[in-house]
PDBML (XML) file of the C-alpha atoms, coordinates in Angstrom:
<?xml version="1.0" encoding="UTF-8" ?>
<PDBx:datablock datablockName="MODEL"
   xmlns:PDBx="http://pdbml.pdb.org/schema/pdbx-v50.xsd"
   xmlns:xsi="http://www.w3.org/2001/XMLSchema-instance"
   xsi:schemaLocation="http://pdbml.pdb.org/schema/pdbx-v50.xsd pdbx-v50.xsd">
   <PDBx:atom_siteCategory>
      <PDBx:atom_site id="1">
         <PDBx:B_iso_or_equiv>0.00</PDBx:B_iso_or_equiv>
         <PDBx:Cartn_x>103.241</PDBx:Cartn_x>
         <PDBx:Cartn_y>114.114</PDBx:Cartn_y>
         <PDBx:Cartn_z>88.406</PDBx:Cartn_z>
         <PDBx:auth_asym_id>A</PDBx:auth_asym_id>
         <PDBx:auth_atom_id>CA</PDBx:auth_atom_id>
         <PDBx:auth_comp_id>PHE</PDBx:auth_comp_id>
         <PDBx:auth_seq_id>1</PDBx:auth_seq_id>
         <PDBx:group_PDB>ATOM</PDBx:group_PDB>
         <PDBx:label_alt_id xsi:nil="true" />
         <PDBx:label_asym_id>A</PDBx:label_asym_id>
         <PDBx:label_atom_id>CA</PDBx:label_atom_id>
         <PDBx:label_comp_id>PHE</PDBx:label_comp_id>
         <PDBx:label_entity_id>1</PDBx:label_entity_id>
         <PDBx:label_seq_id>1</PDBx:label_seq_id>
         <PDBx:occupancy>1.00</PDBx:occupancy>
         <PDBx:pdbx_PDB_model_num>1</PDBx:pdbx_PDB_model_num>
         <PDBx:type_symbol>C</PDBx:type_symbol>
      </PDBx:atom_site>
      <PDBx:atom_site id="2">
         <PDBx:B_iso_or_equiv>0.00</PDBx:B_iso_or_equiv>
         <PDBx:Cartn_x>100.120</PDBx:Cartn_x>
         <PDBx:Cartn_y>111.906</PDBx:Cartn_y>
         <PDBx:Cartn_z>87.782</PDBx:Cartn_z>
         <PDBx:auth_asym_id>A</PDBx:auth_asym_id>
         <PDBx:auth_atom_id>CA</PDBx:auth_atom_id>
         <PDBx:auth_comp_id>PRO</PDBx:auth_comp_id>
         <PDBx:auth_seq_id>2</PDBx:auth_seq_id>
         <PDBx:group_PDB>ATOM</PDBx:group_PDB>
         <PDBx:label_alt_id xsi:nil="true" />
         <PDBx:label_asym_id>A</PDBx:label_asym_id>
         <PDBx:label_atom_id>CA</PDBx:label_atom_id>
         <PDBx:label_comp_id>PRO</PDBx:label_comp_id>
         <PDBx:label_entity_id>1</PDBx:label_entity_id>
         <PDBx:label_seq_id>2</PDBx:label_seq_id>
         <PDBx:occupancy>1.00</PDBx:occupancy>
         <PDBx:pdbx_PDB_model_num>1</PDBx:pdbx_PDB_model_num>
         <PDBx:type_symbol>C</PDBx:type_symbol>
      </PDBx:atom_site>
      <PDBx:atom_site id="3">
         <PDBx:B_iso_or_equiv>0.00</PDBx:B_iso_or_equiv>
         <PDBx:Cartn_x>102.064</PDBx:Cartn_x>
         <PDBx:Cartn_y>108.569</PDBx:Cartn_y>
         <PDBx:Cartn_z>87.610</PDBx:Cartn_z>
         <PDBx:auth_asym_id>A</PDBx:auth_asym_id>
         <PDBx:auth_atom_id>CA</PDBx:auth_atom_id>
         <PDBx:auth_comp_id>PRO</PDBx:auth_comp_id>
         <PDBx:auth_seq_id>3</PDBx:auth_seq_id>
         <PDBx:group_PDB>ATOM</PDBx:group_PDB>
         <PDBx:label_alt_id xsi:nil="true" />
         <PDBx:label_asym_id>A</PDBx:label_asym_id>
         <PDBx:label_atom_id>CA</PDBx:label_atom_id>
         <PDBx:label_comp_id>PRO</PDBx:label_comp_id>
         <PDBx:label_entity_id>1</PDBx:label_entity_id>
         <PDBx:label_seq_id>3</PDBx:label_seq_id>
         <PDBx:occupancy>1.00</PDBx:occupancy>
         <PDBx:pdbx_PDB_model_num>1</PDBx:pdbx_PDB_model_num>
         <PDBx:type_symbol>C</PDBx:type_symbol>
      </PDBx:atom_site>
      <PDBx:atom_site id="4">
         <PDBx:B_iso_or_equiv>0.00</PDBx:B_iso_or_equiv>
         <PDBx:Cartn_x>102.592</PDBx:Cartn_x>
         <PDBx:Cartn_y>109.345</PDBx:Cartn_y>
         <PDBx:Cartn_z>91.611</PDBx:Cartn_z>
         <PDBx:auth_asym_id>A</PDBx:auth_asym_id>
         <PDBx:auth_atom_id>CA</PDBx:auth_atom_id>
         <PDBx:auth_comp_id>LEU</PDBx:auth_comp_id>
         <PDBx:auth_seq_id>4</PDBx:auth_seq_id>
         <PDBx:group_PDB>ATOM</PDBx:group_PDB>
         <PDBx:label_alt_id xsi:nil="true" />
         <PDBx:label_asym_id>A</PDBx:label_asym_id>
         <PDBx:label_atom_id>CA</PDBx:label_atom_id>
         <PDBx:label_comp_id>LEU</PDBx:label_comp_id>
         <PDBx:label_entity_id>1</PDBx:label_entity_id>
         <PDBx:label_seq_id>4</PDBx:label_seq_id>
         <PDBx:occupancy>1.00</PDBx:occupancy>
         <PDBx:pdbx_PDB_model_num>1</PDBx:pdbx_PDB_model_num>
         <PDBx:type_symbol>C</PDBx:type_symbol>
      </PDBx:atom_site>
      <PDBx:atom_site id="5">
         <PDBx:B_iso_or_equiv>0.00</PDBx:B_iso_or_equiv>
         <PDBx:Cartn_x>98.678</PDBx:Cartn_x>
         <PDBx:Cartn_y>109.767</PDBx:Cartn_y>
         <PDBx:Cartn_z>91.798</PDBx:Cartn_z>
         <PDBx:auth_asym_id>A</PDBx:auth_asym_id>
         <PDBx:auth_atom_id>CA</PDBx:auth_atom_id>
         <PDBx:auth_comp_id>ALA</PDBx:auth_comp_id>
         <PDBx:auth_seq_id>5</PDBx:auth_seq_id>
         <PDBx:group_PDB>ATOM</PDBx:group_PDB>
         <PDBx:label_alt_id xsi:nil="true" />
         <PDBx:label_asym_id>A</PDBx:label_asym_id>
         <PDBx:label_atom_id>CA</PDBx:label_atom_id>
         <PDBx:label_comp_id>ALA</PDBx:label_comp_id>
         <PDBx:label_entity_id>1</PDBx:label_entity_id>
         <PDBx:label_seq_id>5</PDBx:label_seq_id>
         <PDBx:occupancy>1.00</PDBx:occupancy>
         <PDBx:pdbx_PDB_model_num>1</PDBx:pdbx_PDB_model_num>
         <PDBx:type_symbol>C</PDBx:type_symbol>
      </PDBx:atom_site>
      <PDBx:atom_site id="6">
         <PDBx:B_iso_or_equiv>0.00</PDBx:B_iso_or_equiv>
         <PDBx:Cartn_x>97.947</PDBx:Cartn_x>
         <PDBx:Cartn_y>106.720</PDBx:Cartn_y>
         <PDBx:Cartn_z>90.197</PDBx:Cartn_z>
         <PDBx:auth_asym_id>A</PDBx:auth_asym_id>
         <PDBx:auth_atom_id>CA</PDBx:auth_atom_id>
         <PDBx:auth_comp_id>LEU</PDBx:auth_comp_id>
         <PDBx:auth_seq_id>6</PDBx:auth_seq_id>
         <PDBx:group_PDB>ATOM</PDBx:group_PDB>
         <PDBx:label_alt_id xsi:nil="true" />
         <PDBx:label_asym_id>A</PDBx:label_asym_id>
         <PDBx:label_atom_id>CA</PDBx:label_atom_id>
         <PDBx:label_comp_id>LEU</PDBx:label_comp_id>
         <PDBx:label_entity_id>1</PDBx:label_entity_id>
         <PDBx:label_seq_id>6</PDBx:label_seq_id>
         <PDBx:occupancy>1.00</PDBx:occupancy>
         <PDBx:pdbx_PDB_model_num>1</PDBx:pdbx_PDB_model_num>
         <PDBx:type_symbol>C</PDBx:type_symbol>
      </PDBx:atom_site>
      <PDBx:atom_site id="7">
         <PDBx:B_iso_or_equiv>0.00</PDBx:B_iso_or_equiv>
         <PDBx:Cartn_x>100.253</PDBx:Cartn_x>
         <PDBx:Cartn_y>104.586</PDBx:Cartn_y>
         <PDBx:Cartn_z>92.496</PDBx:Cartn_z>
         <PDBx:auth_asym_id>A</PDBx:auth_asym_id>
         <PDBx:auth_atom_id>CA</PDBx:auth_atom_id>
         <PDBx:auth_comp_id>ILE</PDBx:auth_comp_id>
         <PDBx:auth_seq_id>7</PDBx:auth_seq_id>
         <PDBx:group_PDB>ATOM</PDBx:group_PDB>
         <PDBx:label_alt_id xsi:nil="true" />
         <PDBx:label_asym_id>A</PDBx:label_asym_id>
         <PDBx:label_atom_id>CA</PDBx:label_atom_id>
         <PDBx:label_comp_id>ILE</PDBx:label_comp_id>
         <PDBx:label_entity_id>1</PDBx:label_entity_id>
         <PDBx:label_seq_id>7</PDBx:label_seq_id>
         <PDBx:occupancy>1.00</PDBx:occupancy>
         <PDBx:pdbx_PDB_model_num>1</PDBx:pdbx_PDB_model_num>
         <PDBx:type_symbol>C</PDBx:type_symbol>
      </PDBx:atom_site>
      <PDBx:atom_site id="8">
         <PDBx:B_iso_or_equiv>0.00</PDBx:B_iso_or_equiv>
         <PDBx:Cartn_x>99.327</PDBx:Cartn_x>
         <PDBx:Cartn_y>106.525</PDBx:Cartn_y>
         <PDBx:Cartn_z>95.734</PDBx:Cartn_z>
         <PDBx:auth_asym_id>A</PDBx:auth_asym_id>
         <PDBx:auth_atom_id>CA</PDBx:auth_atom_id>
         <PDBx:auth_comp_id>VAL</PDBx:auth_comp_id>
         <PDBx:auth_seq_id>8</PDBx:auth_seq_id>
         <PDBx:group_PDB>ATOM</PDBx:group_PDB>
         <PDBx:label_alt_id xsi:nil="true" />
         <PDBx:label_asym_id>A</PDBx:label_asym_id>
         <PDBx:label_atom_id>CA</PDBx:label_atom_id>
         <PDBx:label_comp_id>VAL</PDBx:label_comp_id>
         <PDBx:label_entity_id>1</PDBx:label_entity_id>
         <PDBx:label_seq_id>8</PDBx:label_seq_id>
         <PDBx:occupancy>1.00</PDBx:occupancy>
         <PDBx:pdbx_PDB_model_num>1</PDBx:pdbx_PDB_model_num>
         <PDBx:type_symbol>C</PDBx:type_symbol>
      </PDBx:atom_site>
      <PDBx:atom_site id="9">
         <PDBx:B_iso_or_equiv>0.00</PDBx:B_iso_or_equiv>
         <PDBx:Cartn_x>95.707</PDBx:Cartn_x>
         <PDBx:Cartn_y>106.324</PDBx:Cartn_y>
         <PDBx:Cartn_z>94.607</PDBx:Cartn_z>
         <PDBx:auth_asym_id>A</PDBx:auth_asym_id>
         <PDBx:auth_atom_id>CA</PDBx:auth_atom_id>
         <PDBx:auth_comp_id>GLY</PDBx:auth_comp_id>
         <PDBx:auth_seq_id>9</PDBx:auth_seq_id>
         <PDBx:group_PDB>ATOM</PDBx:group_PDB>
         <PDBx:label_alt_id xsi:nil="true" />
         <PDBx:label_asym_id>A</PDBx:label_asym_id>
         <PDBx:label_atom_id>CA</PDBx:label_atom_id>
         <PDBx:label_comp_id>GLY</PDBx:label_comp_id>
         <PDBx:label_entity_id>1</PDBx:label_entity_id>
         <PDBx:label_seq_id>9</PDBx:label_seq_id>
         <PDBx:occupancy>1.00</PDBx:occupancy>
         <PDBx:pdbx_PDB_model_num>1</PDBx:pdbx_PDB_model_num>
         <PDBx:type_symbol>C</PDBx:type_symbol>
      </PDBx:atom_site>
      <PDBx:atom_site id="10">
         <PDBx:B_iso_or_equiv>0.00</PDBx:B_iso_or_equiv>
         <PDBx:Cartn_x>95.437</PDBx:Cartn_x>
         <PDBx:Cartn_y>102.409</PDBx:Cartn_y>
         <PDBx:Cartn_z>95.604</PDBx:Cartn_z>
         <PDBx:auth_asym_id>A</PDBx:auth_asym_id>
         <PDBx:auth_atom_id>CA</PDBx:auth_atom_id>
         <PDBx:auth_comp_id>PHE</PDBx:auth_comp_id>
         <PDBx:auth_seq_id>10</PDBx:auth_seq_id>
         <PDBx:group_PDB>ATOM</PDBx:group_PDB>
         <PDBx:label_alt_id xsi:nil="true" />
         <PDBx:label_asym_id>A</PDBx:label_asym_id>
         <PDBx:label_atom_id>CA</PDBx:label_atom_id>
         <PDBx:label_comp_id>PHE</PDBx:label_comp_id>
         <PDBx:label_entity_id>1</PDBx:label_entity_id>
         <PDBx:label_seq_id>10</PDBx:label_seq_id>
         <PDBx:occupancy>1.00</PDBx:occupancy>
         <PDBx:pdbx_PDB_model_num>1</PDBx:pdbx_PDB_model_num>
         <PDBx:type_symbol>C</PDBx:type_symbol>
      </PDBx:atom_site>
      <PDBx:atom_site id="11">
         <PDBx:B_iso_or_equiv>0.00</PDBx:B_iso_or_equiv>
         <PDBx:Cartn_x>96.332</PDBx:Cartn_x>
         <PDBx:Cartn_y>103.021</PDBx:Cartn_y>
         <PDBx:Cartn_z>99.297</PDBx:Cartn_z>
         <PDBx:auth_asym_id>A</PDBx:auth_asym_id>
         <PDBx:auth_atom_id>CA</PDBx:auth_atom_id>
         <PDBx:auth_comp_id>PRO</PDBx:auth_comp_id>
         <PDBx:auth_seq_id>11</PDBx:auth_seq_id>
         <PDBx:group_PDB>ATOM</PDBx:group_PDB>
         <PDBx:label_alt_id xsi:nil="true" />
         <PDBx:label_asym_id>A</PDBx:label_asym_id>
         <PDBx:label_atom_id>CA</PDBx:label_atom_id>
         <PDBx:label_comp_id>PRO</PDBx:label_comp_id>
         <PDBx:label_entity_id>1</PDBx:label_entity_id>
         <PDBx:label_seq_id>11</PDBx:label_seq_id>
         <PDBx:occupancy>1.00</PDBx:occupancy>
         <PDBx:pdbx_PDB_model_num>1</PDBx:pdbx_PDB_model_num>
         <PDBx:type_symbol>C</PDBx:type_symbol>
      </PDBx:atom_site>
      <PDBx:atom_site id="12">
         <PDBx:B_iso_or_equiv>0.00</PDBx:B_iso_or_equiv>
         <PDBx:Cartn_x>94.350</PDBx:Cartn_x>
         <PDBx:Cartn_y>106.252</PDBx:Cartn_y>
         <PDBx:Cartn_z>99.586</PDBx:Cartn_z>
         <PDBx:auth_asym_id>A</PDBx:auth_asym_id>
         <PDBx:auth_atom_id>CA</PDBx:auth_atom_id>
         <PDBx:auth_comp_id>MET</PDBx:auth_comp_id>
         <PDBx:auth_seq_id>12</PDBx:auth_seq_id>
         <PDBx:group_PDB>ATOM</PDBx:group_PDB>
         <PDBx:label_alt_id xsi:nil="true" />
         <PDBx:label_asym_id>A</PDBx:label_asym_id>
         <PDBx:label_atom_id>CA</PDBx:label_atom_id>
         <PDBx:label_comp_id>MET</PDBx:label_comp_id>
         <PDBx:label_entity_id>1</PDBx:label_entity_id>
         <PDBx:label_seq_id>12</PDBx:label_seq_id>
         <PDBx:occupancy>1.00</PDBx:occupancy>
         <PDBx:pdbx_PDB_model_num>1</PDBx:pdbx_PDB_model_num>
         <PDBx:type_symbol>C</PDBx:type_symbol>
      </PDBx:atom_site>
      <PDBx:atom_site id="13">
         <PDBx:B_iso_or_equiv>0.00</PDBx:B_iso_or_equiv>
         <PDBx:Cartn_x>90.914</PDBx:Cartn_x>
         <PDBx:Cartn_y>104.486</PDBx:Cartn_y>
         <PDBx:Cartn_z>98.095</PDBx:Cartn_z>
         <PDBx:auth_asym_id>A</PDBx:auth_asym_id>
         <PDBx:auth_atom_id>CA</PDBx:auth_atom_id>
         <PDBx:auth_comp_id>MET</PDBx:auth_comp_id>
         <PDBx:auth_seq_id>13</PDBx:auth_seq_id>
         <PDBx:group_PDB>ATOM</PDBx:group_PDB>
         <PDBx:label_alt_id xsi:nil="true" />
         <PDBx:label_asym_id>A</PDBx:label_asym_id>
         <PDBx:label_atom_id>CA</PDBx:label_atom_id>
         <PDBx:label_comp_id>MET</PDBx:label_comp_id>
         <PDBx:label_entity_id>1</PDBx:label_entity_id>
         <PDBx:label_seq_id>13</PDBx:label_seq_id>
         <PDBx:occupancy>1.00</PDBx:occupancy>
         <PDBx:pdbx_PDB_model_num>1</PDBx:pdbx_PDB_model_num>
         <PDBx:type_symbol>C</PDBx:type_symbol>
      </PDBx:atom_site>
      <PDBx:atom_site id="14">
         <PDBx:B_iso_or_equiv>0.00</PDBx:B_iso_or_equiv>
         <PDBx:Cartn_x>91.781</PDBx:Cartn_x>
         <PDBx:Cartn_y>101.452</PDBx:Cartn_y>
         <PDBx:Cartn_z>100.425</PDBx:Cartn_z>
         <PDBx:auth_asym_id>A</PDBx:auth_asym_id>
         <PDBx:auth_atom_id>CA</PDBx:auth_atom_id>
         <PDBx:auth_comp_id>ALA</PDBx:auth_comp_id>
         <PDBx:auth_seq_id>14</PDBx:auth_seq_id>
         <PDBx:group_PDB>ATOM</PDBx:group_PDB>
         <PDBx:label_alt_id xsi:nil="true" />
         <PDBx:label_asym_id>A</PDBx:label_asym_id>
         <PDBx:label_atom_id>CA</PDBx:label_atom_id>
         <PDBx:label_comp_id>ALA</PDBx:label_comp_id>
         <PDBx:label_entity_id>1</PDBx:label_entity_id>
         <PDBx:label_seq_id>14</PDBx:label_seq_id>
         <PDBx:occupancy>1.00</PDBx:occupancy>
         <PDBx:pdbx_PDB_model_num>1</PDBx:pdbx_PDB_model_num>
         <PDBx:type_symbol>C</PDBx:type_symbol>
      </PDBx:atom_site>
      <PDBx:atom_site id="15">
         <PDBx:B_iso_or_equiv>0.00</PDBx:B_iso_or_equiv>
         <PDBx:Cartn_x>91.996</PDBx:Cartn_x>
         <PDBx:Cartn_y>103.839</PDBx:Cartn_y>
         <PDBx:Cartn_z>103.280</PDBx:Cartn_z>
         <PDBx:auth_asym_id>A</PDBx:auth_asym_id>
         <PDBx:auth_atom_id>CA</PDBx:auth_atom_id>
         <PDBx:auth_comp_id>GLN</PDBx:auth_comp_id>
         <PDBx:auth_seq_id>15</PDBx:auth_seq_id>
         <PDBx:group_PDB>ATOM</PDBx:group_PDB>
         <PDBx:label_alt_id xsi:nil="true" />
         <PDBx:label_asym_id>A</PDBx:label_asym_id>
         <PDBx:label_atom_id>CA</PDBx:label_atom_id>
         <PDBx:label_comp_id>GLN</PDBx:label_comp_id>
         <PDBx:label_entity_id>1</PDBx:label_entity_id>
         <PDBx:label_seq_id>15</PDBx:label_seq_id>
         <PDBx:occupancy>1.00</PDBx:occupancy>
         <PDBx:pdbx_PDB_model_num>1</PDBx:pdbx_PDB_model_num>
         <PDBx:type_symbol>C</PDBx:type_symbol>
      </PDBx:atom_site>
      <PDBx:atom_site id="16">
         <PDBx:B_iso_or_equiv>0.00</PDBx:B_iso_or_equiv>
         <PDBx:Cartn_x>88.510</PDBx:Cartn_x>
         <PDBx:Cartn_y>105.542</PDBx:Cartn_y>
         <PDBx:Cartn_z>102.535</PDBx:Cartn_z>
         <PDBx:auth_asym_id>A</PDBx:auth_asym_id>
         <PDBx:auth_atom_id>CA</PDBx:auth_atom_id>
         <PDBx:auth_comp_id>ILE</PDBx:auth_comp_id>
         <PDBx:auth_seq_id>16</PDBx:auth_seq_id>
         <PDBx:group_PDB>ATOM</PDBx:group_PDB>
         <PDBx:label_alt_id xsi:nil="true" />
         <PDBx:label_asym_id>A</PDBx:label_asym_id>
         <PDBx:label_atom_id>CA</PDBx:label_atom_id>
         <PDBx:label_comp_id>ILE</PDBx:label_comp_id>
         <PDBx:label_entity_id>1</PDBx:label_entity_id>
         <PDBx:label_seq_id>16</PDBx:label_seq_id>
         <PDBx:occupancy>1.00</PDBx:occupancy>
         <PDBx:pdbx_PDB_model_num>1</PDBx:pdbx_PDB_model_num>
         <PDBx:type_symbol>C</PDBx:type_symbol>
      </PDBx:atom_site>
      <PDBx:atom_site id="17">
         <PDBx:B_iso_or_equiv>0.00</PDBx:B_iso_or_equiv>
         <PDBx:Cartn_x>86.832</PDBx:Cartn_x>
         <PDBx:Cartn_y>102.116</PDBx:Cartn_y>
         <PDBx:Cartn_z>101.951</PDBx:Cartn_z>
         <PDBx:auth_asym_id>A</PDBx:auth_asym_id>
         <PDBx:auth_atom_id>CA</PDBx:auth_atom_id>
         <PDBx:auth_comp_id>CYS</PDBx:auth_comp_id>
         <PDBx:auth_seq_id>17</PDBx:auth_seq_id>
         <PDBx:group_PDB>ATOM</PDBx:group_PDB>
         <PDBx:label_alt_id xsi:nil="true" />
         <PDBx:label_asym_id>A</PDBx:label_asym_id>
         <PDBx:label_atom_id>CA</PDBx:label_atom_id>
         <PDBx:label_comp_id>CYS</PDBx:label_comp_id>
         <PDBx:label_entity_id>1</PDBx:label_entity_id>
         <PDBx:label_seq_id>17</PDBx:label_seq_id>
         <PDBx:occupancy>1.00</PDBx:occupancy>
         <PDBx:pdbx_PDB_model_num>1</PDBx:pdbx_PDB_model_num>
         <PDBx:type_symbol>C</PDBx:type_symbol>
      </PDBx:atom_site>
      <PDBx:atom_site id="18">
         <PDBx:B_iso_or_equiv>0.00</PDBx:B_iso_or_equiv>
         <PDBx:Cartn_x>87.961</PDBx:Cartn_x>
         <PDBx:Cartn_y>100.922</PDBx:Cartn_y>
         <PDBx:Cartn_z>105.078</PDBx:Cartn_z>
         <PDBx:auth_asym_id>A</PDBx:auth_asym_id>
         <PDBx:auth_atom_id>CA</PDBx:auth_atom_id>
         <PDBx:auth_comp_id>ARG</PDBx:auth_comp_id>
         <PDBx:auth_seq_id>18</PDBx:auth_seq_id>
         <PDBx:group_PDB>ATOM</PDBx:group_PDB>
         <PDBx:label_alt_id xsi:nil="true" />
         <PDBx:label_asym_id>A</PDBx:label_asym_id>
         <PDBx:label_atom_id>CA</PDBx:label_atom_id>
         <PDBx:label_comp_id>ARG</PDBx:label_comp_id>
         <PDBx:label_entity_id>1</PDBx:label_entity_id>
         <PDBx:label_seq_id>18</PDBx:label_seq_id>
         <PDBx:occupancy>1.00</PDBx:occupancy>
         <PDBx:pdbx_PDB_model_num>1</PDBx:pdbx_PDB_model_num>
         <PDBx:type_symbol>C</PDBx:type_symbol>
      </PDBx:atom_site>
      <PDBx:atom_site id="19">
         <PDBx:B_iso_or_equiv>0.00</PDBx:B_iso_or_equiv>
         <PDBx:Cartn_x>86.852</PDBx:Cartn_x>
         <PDBx:Cartn_y>104.172</PDBx:Cartn_y>
         <PDBx:Cartn_z>107.043</PDBx:Cartn_z>
         <PDBx:auth_asym_id>A</PDBx:auth_asym_id>
         <PDBx:auth_atom_id>CA</PDBx:auth_atom_id>
         <PDBx:auth_comp_id>GLY</PDBx:auth_comp_id>
         <PDBx:auth_seq_id>19</PDBx:auth_seq_id>
         <PDBx:group_PDB>ATOM</PDBx:group_PDB>
         <PDBx:label_alt_id xsi:nil="true" />
         <PDBx:label_asym_id>A</PDBx:label_asym_id>
         <PDBx:label_atom_id>CA</PDBx:label_atom_id>
         <PDBx:label_comp_id>GLY</PDBx:label_comp_id>
         <PDBx:label_entity_id>1</PDBx:label_entity_id>
         <PDBx:label_seq_id>19</PDBx:label_seq_id>
         <PDBx:occupancy>1.00</PDBx:occupancy>
         <PDBx:pdbx_PDB_model_num>1</PDBx:pdbx_PDB_model_num>
         <PDBx:type_symbol>C</PDBx:type_symbol>
      </PDBx:atom_site>
      <PDBx:atom_site id="20">
         <PDBx:B_iso_or_equiv>0.00</PDBx:B_iso_or_equiv>
         <PDBx:Cartn_x>83.154</PDBx:Cartn_x>
         <PDBx:Cartn_y>104.149</PDBx:Cartn_y>
         <PDBx:Cartn_z>105.461</PDBx:Cartn_z>
         <PDBx:auth_asym_id>A</PDBx:auth_asym_id>
         <PDBx:auth_atom_id>CA</PDBx:auth_atom_id>
         <PDBx:auth_comp_id>VAL</PDBx:auth_comp_id>
         <PDBx:auth_seq_id>20</PDBx:auth_seq_id>
         <PDBx:group_PDB>ATOM</PDBx:group_PDB>
         <PDBx:label_alt_id xsi:nil="true" />
         <PDBx:label_asym_id>A</PDBx:label_asym_id>
         <PDBx:label_atom_id>CA</PDBx:label_atom_id>
         <PDBx:label_comp_id>VAL</PDBx:label_comp_id>
         <PDBx:label_entity_id>1</PDBx:label_entity_id>
         <PDBx:label_seq_id>20</PDBx:label_seq_id>
         <PDBx:occupancy>1.00</PDBx:occupancy>
         <PDBx:pdbx_PDB_model_num>1</PDBx:pdbx_PDB_model_num>
         <PDBx:type_symbol>C</PDBx:type_symbol>
      </PDBx:atom_site>
      <PDBx:atom_site id="21">
         <PDBx:B_iso_or_equiv>0.00</PDBx:B_iso_or_equiv>
         <PDBx:Cartn_x>82.752</PDBx:Cartn_x>
         <PDBx:Cartn_y>100.748</PDBx:Cartn_y>
         <PDBx:Cartn_z>106.225</PDBx:Cartn_z>
         <PDBx:auth_asym_id>A</PDBx:auth_asym_id>
         <PDBx:auth_atom_id>CA</PDBx:auth_atom_id>
         <PDBx:auth_comp_id>ASN</PDBx:auth_comp_id>
         <PDBx:auth_seq_id>21</PDBx:auth_seq_id>
         <PDBx:group_PDB>ATOM</PDBx:group_PDB>
         <PDBx:label_alt_id xsi:nil="true" />
         <PDBx:label_asym_id>A</PDBx:label_asym_id>
         <PDBx:label_atom_id>CA</PDBx:label_atom_id>
         <PDBx:label_comp_id>ASN</PDBx:label_comp_id>
         <PDBx:label_entity_id>1</PDBx:label_entity_id>
         <PDBx:label_seq_id>21</PDBx:label_seq_id>
         <PDBx:occupancy>1.00</PDBx:occupancy>
         <PDBx:pdbx_PDB_model_num>1</PDBx:pdbx_PDB_model_num>
         <PDBx:type_symbol>C</PDBx:type_symbol>
      </PDBx:atom_site>
      <PDBx:atom_site id="22">
         <PDBx:B_iso_or_equiv>0.00</PDBx:B_iso_or_equiv>
         <PDBx:Cartn_x>83.447</PDBx:Cartn_x>
         <PDBx:Cartn_y>100.907</PDBx:Cartn_y>
         <PDBx:Cartn_z>109.524</PDBx:Cartn_z>
         <PDBx:auth_asym_id>A</PDBx:auth_asym_id>
         <PDBx:auth_atom_id>CA</PDBx:auth_atom_id>
         <PDBx:auth_comp_id>PHE</PDBx:auth_comp_id>
         <PDBx:auth_seq_id>22</PDBx:auth_seq_id>
         <PDBx:group_PDB>ATOM</PDBx:group_PDB>
         <PDBx:label_alt_id xsi:nil="true" />
         <PDBx:label_asym_id>A</PDBx:label_asym_id>
         <PDBx:label_atom_id>CA</PDBx:label_atom_id>
         <PDBx:label_comp_id>PHE</PDBx:label_comp_id>
         <PDBx:label_entity_id>1</PDBx:label_entity_id>
         <PDBx:label_seq_id>22</PDBx:label_seq_id>
         <PDBx:occupancy>1.00</PDBx:occupancy>
         <PDBx:pdbx_PDB_model_num>1</PDBx:pdbx_PDB_model_num>
         <PDBx:type_symbol>C</PDBx:type_symbol>
      </PDBx:atom_site>
      <PDBx:atom_site id="23">
         <PDBx:B_iso_or_equiv>0.00</PDBx:B_iso_or_equiv>
         <PDBx:Cartn_x>80.563</PDBx:Cartn_x>
         <PDBx:Cartn_y>103.365</PDBx:Cartn_y>
         <PDBx:Cartn_z>109.900</PDBx:Cartn_z>
         <PDBx:auth_asym_id>A</PDBx:auth_asym_id>
         <PDBx:auth_atom_id>CA</PDBx:auth_atom_id>
         <PDBx:auth_comp_id>PHE</PDBx:auth_comp_id>
         <PDBx:auth_seq_id>23</PDBx:auth_seq_id>
         <PDBx:group_PDB>ATOM</PDBx:group_PDB>
         <PDBx:label_alt_id xsi:nil="true" />
         <PDBx:label_asym_id>A</PDBx:label_asym_id>
         <PDBx:label_atom_id>CA</PDBx:label_atom_id>
         <PDBx:label_comp_id>PHE</PDBx:label_comp_id>
         <PDBx:label_entity_id>1</PDBx:label_entity_id>
         <PDBx:label_seq_id>23</PDBx:label_seq_id>
         <PDBx:occupancy>1.00</PDBx:occupancy>
         <PDBx:pdbx_PDB_model_num>1</PDBx:pdbx_PDB_model_num>
         <PDBx:type_symbol>C</PDBx:type_symbol>
      </PDBx:atom_site>
      <PDBx:atom_site id="24">
         <PDBx:B_iso_or_equiv>0.00</PDBx:B_iso_or_equiv>
         <PDBx:Cartn_x>78.541</PDBx:Cartn_x>
         <PDBx:Cartn_y>101.016</PDBx:Cartn_y>
         <PDBx:Cartn_z>107.540</PDBx:Cartn_z>
         <PDBx:auth_asym_id>A</PDBx:auth_asym_id>
         <PDBx:auth_atom_id>CA</PDBx:auth_atom_id>
         <PDBx:auth_comp_id>ALA</PDBx:auth_comp_id>
         <PDBx:auth_seq_id>24</PDBx:auth_seq_id>
         <PDBx:group_PDB>ATOM</PDBx:group_PDB>
         <PDBx:label_alt_id xsi:nil="true" />
         <PDBx:label_asym_id>A</PDBx:label_asym_id>
         <PDBx:label_atom_id>CA</PDBx:label_atom_id>
         <PDBx:label_comp_id>ALA</PDBx:label_comp_id>
         <PDBx:label_entity_id>1</PDBx:label_entity_id>
         <PDBx:label_seq_id>24</PDBx:label_seq_id>
         <PDBx:occupancy>1.00</PDBx:occupancy>
         <PDBx:pdbx_PDB_model_num>1</PDBx:pdbx_PDB_model_num>
         <PDBx:type_symbol>C</PDBx:type_symbol>
      </PDBx:atom_site>
      <PDBx:atom_site id="25">
         <PDBx:B_iso_or_equiv>0.00</PDBx:B_iso_or_equiv>
         <PDBx:Cartn_x>78.790</PDBx:Cartn_x>
         <PDBx:Cartn_y>98.219</PDBx:Cartn_y>
         <PDBx:Cartn_z>109.979</PDBx:Cartn_z>
         <PDBx:auth_asym_id>A</PDBx:auth_asym_id>
         <PDBx:auth_atom_id>CA</PDBx:auth_atom_id>
         <PDBx:auth_comp_id>PHE</PDBx:auth_comp_id>
         <PDBx:auth_seq_id>25</PDBx:auth_seq_id>
         <PDBx:group_PDB>ATOM</PDBx:group_PDB>
         <PDBx:label_alt_id xsi:nil="true" />
         <PDBx:label_asym_id>A</PDBx:label_asym_id>
         <PDBx:label_atom_id>CA</PDBx:label_atom_id>
         <PDBx:label_comp_id>PHE</PDBx:label_comp_id>
         <PDBx:label_entity_id>1</PDBx:label_entity_id>
         <PDBx:label_seq_id>25</PDBx:label_seq_id>
         <PDBx:occupancy>1.00</PDBx:occupancy>
         <PDBx:pdbx_PDB_model_num>1</PDBx:pdbx_PDB_model_num>
         <PDBx:type_symbol>C</PDBx:type_symbol>
      </PDBx:atom_site>
   </PDBx:atom_siteCategory>
</PDBx:datablock>
């Protein structure tokens, strides 16, 4: 169900970015 992936993609990518930036800083 691709529309679900489009919606859930936002919180998923936000979590990934927060995690990576924790290590970056």
